[in-house]
Amino acid sequence: MPDRDYENPWRPNHESLAVALWLGLGAIAWSTADRWALDPRPFRAFTLVALLITLTWLPGMVRVWQRHARLRAGRRRFSTPRRCAADSSAAPMRSGSAGDFRGSASRHS
């Protein structure tokens, strides 16, 4: 599973476009398979492949959609440096975390 820690949370949901396109192309292939004087099996096979590709893109689409829903639901506020400093000093520090540098400064001085 790829590491998504640094994925841009506000990026457009490109996966939804891919899912819609593959579903649309599969529907077109399925509905026009009997209208041609050609063998319908390749059209049905393309529809199956389009459905499989849609199923591979679907989890990513849902993940980005849920992330966007959580971002829309959150309260937004303007953070000044003073407010950020107050928030970080009020939050409990975990020992051994990357931001726990207060104790290390007192030990080395």
C-alpha atoms as a PDB file:
ATOM      1  CA  MET A   1       0.000   0.000   0.000  1.00  0.00           C
ATOM      2  CA  PRO A   2       1.507   3.353  -0.988  1.00  0.00           C
ATOM      3  CA  ASP A   3       2.392   5.926   1.636  1.00  0.00           C
ATOM      4  CA  ARG A   4      -0.239   8.672   1.492  1.00  0.00           C
ATOM      5  CA  ASP A   5       0.983  10.782   4.410  1.00  0.00           C
ATOM      6  CA  TYR A   6       2.049  13.597   2.100  1.00  0.00           C
ATOM      7  CA  GLU A   7      -0.808  13.472  -0.401  1.00  0.00           C
ATOM      8  CA  ASN A   8      -2.383  16.882  -1.015  1.00  0.00           C
ATOM      9  CA  PRO A   9      -5.760  16.737   0.753  1.00  0.00           C
ATOM     10  CA  TRP A  10      -7.271  19.523  -1.375  1.00  0.00           C
ATOM     11  CA  ARG A  11      -6.434  18.051  -4.756  1.00  0.00           C
ATOM     12  CA  PRO A  12      -9.320  17.418  -7.179  1.00  0.00           C
ATOM     13  CA  ASN A  13     -10.890  13.983  -7.110  1.00  0.00           C
ATOM     14  CA  HIS A  14      -9.458  12.695 -10.396  1.00  0.00           C
ATOM     15  CA  GLU A  15     -10.458   9.155  -9.477  1.00  0.00           C
ATOM     16  CA  SER A  16     -14.143  10.068  -9.705  1.00  0.00           C
ATOM     17  CA  LEU A  17     -13.617  11.249 -13.279  1.00  0.00           C
ATOM     18  CA  ALA A  18     -11.835   7.983 -14.121  1.00  0.00           C
ATOM     19  CA  VAL A  19     -14.634   5.916 -12.577  1.00  0.00           C
ATOM     20  CA  ALA A  20     -17.292   7.885 -14.460  1.00  0.00           C
ATOM     21  CA  LEU A  21     -15.409   7.572 -17.759  1.00  0.00           C
ATOM     22  CA  TRP A  22     -14.857   3.824 -17.468  1.00  0.00           C
ATOM     23  CA  LEU A  23     -18.477   3.232 -16.436  1.00  0.00           C
ATOM     24  CA  GLY A  24     -19.672   5.368 -19.347  1.00  0.00           C
ATOM     25  CA  LEU A  25     -17.449   3.625 -21.863  1.00  0.00           C
ATOM     26  CA  GLY A  26     -18.532   0.225 -20.552  1.00  0.00           C
ATOM     27  CA  ALA A  27     -22.205   1.206 -20.822  1.00  0.00           C
ATOM     28  CA  ILE A  28     -21.696   2.445 -24.381  1.00  0.00           C
ATOM     29  CA  ALA A  29     -19.879  -0.757 -25.353  1.00  0.00           C
ATOM     30  CA  TRP A  30     -22.582  -2.948 -23.786  1.00  0.00           C
ATOM     31  CA  SER A  31     -25.485  -1.039 -25.325  1.00  0.00           C
ATOM     32  CA  THR A  32     -24.016  -0.862 -28.834  1.00  0.00           C
ATOM     33  CA  ALA A  33     -22.723  -4.436 -28.981  1.00  0.00           C
ATOM     34  CA  ASP A  34     -25.859  -5.752 -30.729  1.00  0.00           C
ATOM     35  CA  ARG A  35     -26.276  -2.797 -33.088  1.00  0.00           C
ATOM     36  CA  TRP A  36     -23.275  -3.634 -35.268  1.00  0.00           C
ATOM     37  CA  ALA A  37     -22.761  -6.425 -37.747  1.00  0.00           C
ATOM     38  CA  LEU A  38     -19.726  -7.406 -35.691  1.00  0.00           C
ATOM     39  CA  ASP A  39     -19.274 -10.113 -33.108  1.00  0.00           C
ATOM     40  CA  PRO A  40     -20.554  -8.724 -29.745  1.00  0.00           C
ATOM     41  CA  ARG A  41     -18.033 -10.691 -27.648  1.00  0.00           C
ATOM     42  CA  PRO A  42     -15.230  -8.075 -27.874  1.00  0.00           C
ATOM     43  CA  PHE A  43     -17.714  -5.408 -26.774  1.00  0.00           C
ATOM     44  CA  ARG A  44     -18.784  -7.541 -23.817  1.00  0.00           C
ATOM     45  CA  ALA A  45     -15.120  -8.201 -22.981  1.00  0.00           C
ATOM     46  CA  PHE A  46     -14.380  -4.482 -23.067  1.00  0.00           C
ATOM     47  CA  THR A  47     -17.325  -3.904 -20.736  1.00  0.00           C
ATOM     48  CA  LEU A  48     -15.898  -6.473 -18.327  1.00  0.00           C
ATOM     49  CA  VAL A  49     -12.452  -4.855 -18.449  1.00  0.00           C
ATOM     50  CA  ALA A  50     -14.018  -1.415 -17.905  1.00  0.00           C
ATOM     51  CA  LEU A  51     -15.866  -2.764 -14.872  1.00  0.00           C
ATOM     52  CA  LEU A  52     -12.661  -4.235 -13.434  1.00  0.00           C
ATOM     53  CA  ILE A  53     -10.788  -0.974 -13.961  1.00  0.00           C
ATOM     54  CA  THR A  54     -13.662   0.880 -12.297  1.00  0.00           C
ATOM     55  CA  LEU A  55     -13.399  -1.424  -9.290  1.00  0.00           C
ATOM     56  CA  THR A  56      -9.667  -0.696  -9.012  1.00  0.00           C
ATOM     57  CA  TRP A  57     -10.230   3.102  -9.088  1.00  0.00           C
ATOM     58  CA  LEU A  58     -13.223   3.015  -6.722  1.00  0.00           C
ATOM     59  CA  PRO A  59     -11.363   2.769  -3.361  1.00  0.00           C
ATOM     60  CA  GLY A  60      -9.200   5.786  -4.212  1.00  0.00           C
ATOM     61  CA  MET A  61     -12.253   7.755  -5.274  1.00  0.00           C
ATOM     62  CA  VAL A  62     -14.064   6.973  -2.031  1.00  0.00           C
ATOM     63  CA  ARG A  63     -10.970   7.801   0.043  1.00  0.00           C
ATOM     64  CA  VAL A  64     -10.543  11.246  -1.572  1.00  0.00           C
ATOM     65  CA  TRP A  65     -14.303  11.897  -1.385  1.00  0.00           C
ATOM     66  CA  GLN A  66     -14.320  11.094   2.348  1.00  0.00           C
ATOM     67  CA  ARG A  67     -11.269  13.316   2.903  1.00  0.00           C
ATOM     68  CA  HIS A  68     -13.017  16.201   1.129  1.00  0.00           C
ATOM     69  CA  ALA A  69     -16.160  15.620   3.213  1.00  0.00           C
ATOM     70  CA  ARG A  70     -14.110  15.728   6.434  1.00  0.00           C
ATOM     71  CA  LEU A  71     -12.374  18.936   5.304  1.00  0.00           C
ATOM     72  CA  ARG A  72     -15.717  20.576   4.498  1.00  0.00           C
ATOM     73  CA  ALA A  73     -17.157  19.565   7.877  1.00  0.00           C
ATOM     74  CA  GLY A  74     -14.274  20.957   9.926  1.00  0.00           C
ATOM     75  CA  ARG A  75     -14.288  24.371  11.506  1.00  0.00           C
ATOM     76  CA  ARG A  76     -11.858  26.787   9.938  1.00  0.00           C
ATOM     77  CA  ARG A  77     -10.128  29.650  11.667  1.00  0.00           C
ATOM     78  CA  PHE A  78      -7.310  32.015  10.948  1.00  0.00           C
ATOM     79  CA  SER A  79      -4.250  31.052  12.966  1.00  0.00           C
ATOM     80  CA  THR A  80      -1.811  33.725  14.012  1.00  0.00           C
ATOM     81  CA  PRO A  81       1.667  32.808  15.278  1.00  0.00           C
ATOM     82  CA  ARG A  82       0.571  33.755  18.795  1.00  0.00           C
ATOM     83  CA  ARG A  83      -2.448  31.417  18.619  1.00  0.00           C
ATOM     84  CA  CYS A  84      -0.307  28.585  17.211  1.00  0.00           C
ATOM     85  CA  ALA A  85       2.165  29.008  20.057  1.00  0.00           C
ATOM     86  CA  ALA A  86      -0.656  28.983  22.617  1.00  0.00           C
ATOM     87  CA  ASP A  87      -2.206  25.879  21.037  1.00  0.00           C
ATOM     88  CA  SER A  88       1.086  24.006  20.949  1.00  0.00           C
ATOM     89  CA  SER A  89       1.927  24.875  24.562  1.00  0.00           C
ATOM     90  CA  ALA A  90      -1.536  23.801  25.751  1.00  0.00           C
ATOM     91  CA  ALA A  91      -1.367  20.457  23.927  1.00  0.00           C
ATOM     92  CA  PRO A  92       0.207  17.599  25.879  1.00  0.00           C
ATOM     93  CA  MET A  93       3.584  16.539  24.521  1.00  0.00           C
ATOM     94  CA  ARG A  94       4.233  12.865  23.981  1.00  0.00           C
ATOM     95  CA  SER A  95       7.612  11.660  25.095  1.00  0.00           C
ATOM     96  CA  GLY A  96       9.811  10.594  22.241  1.00  0.00           C
ATOM     97  CA  SER A  97       7.830  12.453  19.585  1.00  0.00           C
ATOM     98  CA  ALA A  98       9.607  14.434  16.905  1.00  0.00           C
ATOM     99  CA  GLY A  99       8.338  17.711  18.338  1.00  0.00           C
ATOM    100  CA  ASP A 100       9.541  16.972  21.875  1.00  0.00           C
ATOM    101  CA  PHE A 101      12.574  19.225  21.911  1.00  0.00           C
ATOM    102  CA  ARG A 102      11.935  21.117  25.146  1.00  0.00           C
ATOM    103  CA  GLY A 103      13.388  18.410  27.364  1.00  0.00           C
ATOM    104  CA  SER A 104      16.413  17.851  25.160  1.00  0.00           C
ATOM    105  CA  ALA A 105      17.421  21.527  25.336  1.00  0.00           C
ATOM    106  CA  SER A 106      17.443  21.514  29.122  1.00  0.00           C
ATOM    107  CA  ARG A 107      19.470  18.314  29.231  1.00  0.00           C
ATOM    108  CA  HIS A 108      22.214  19.655  26.967  1.00  0.00           C
ATOM    109  CA  SER A 109      22.613  23.054  28.555  1.00  0.00           C
END
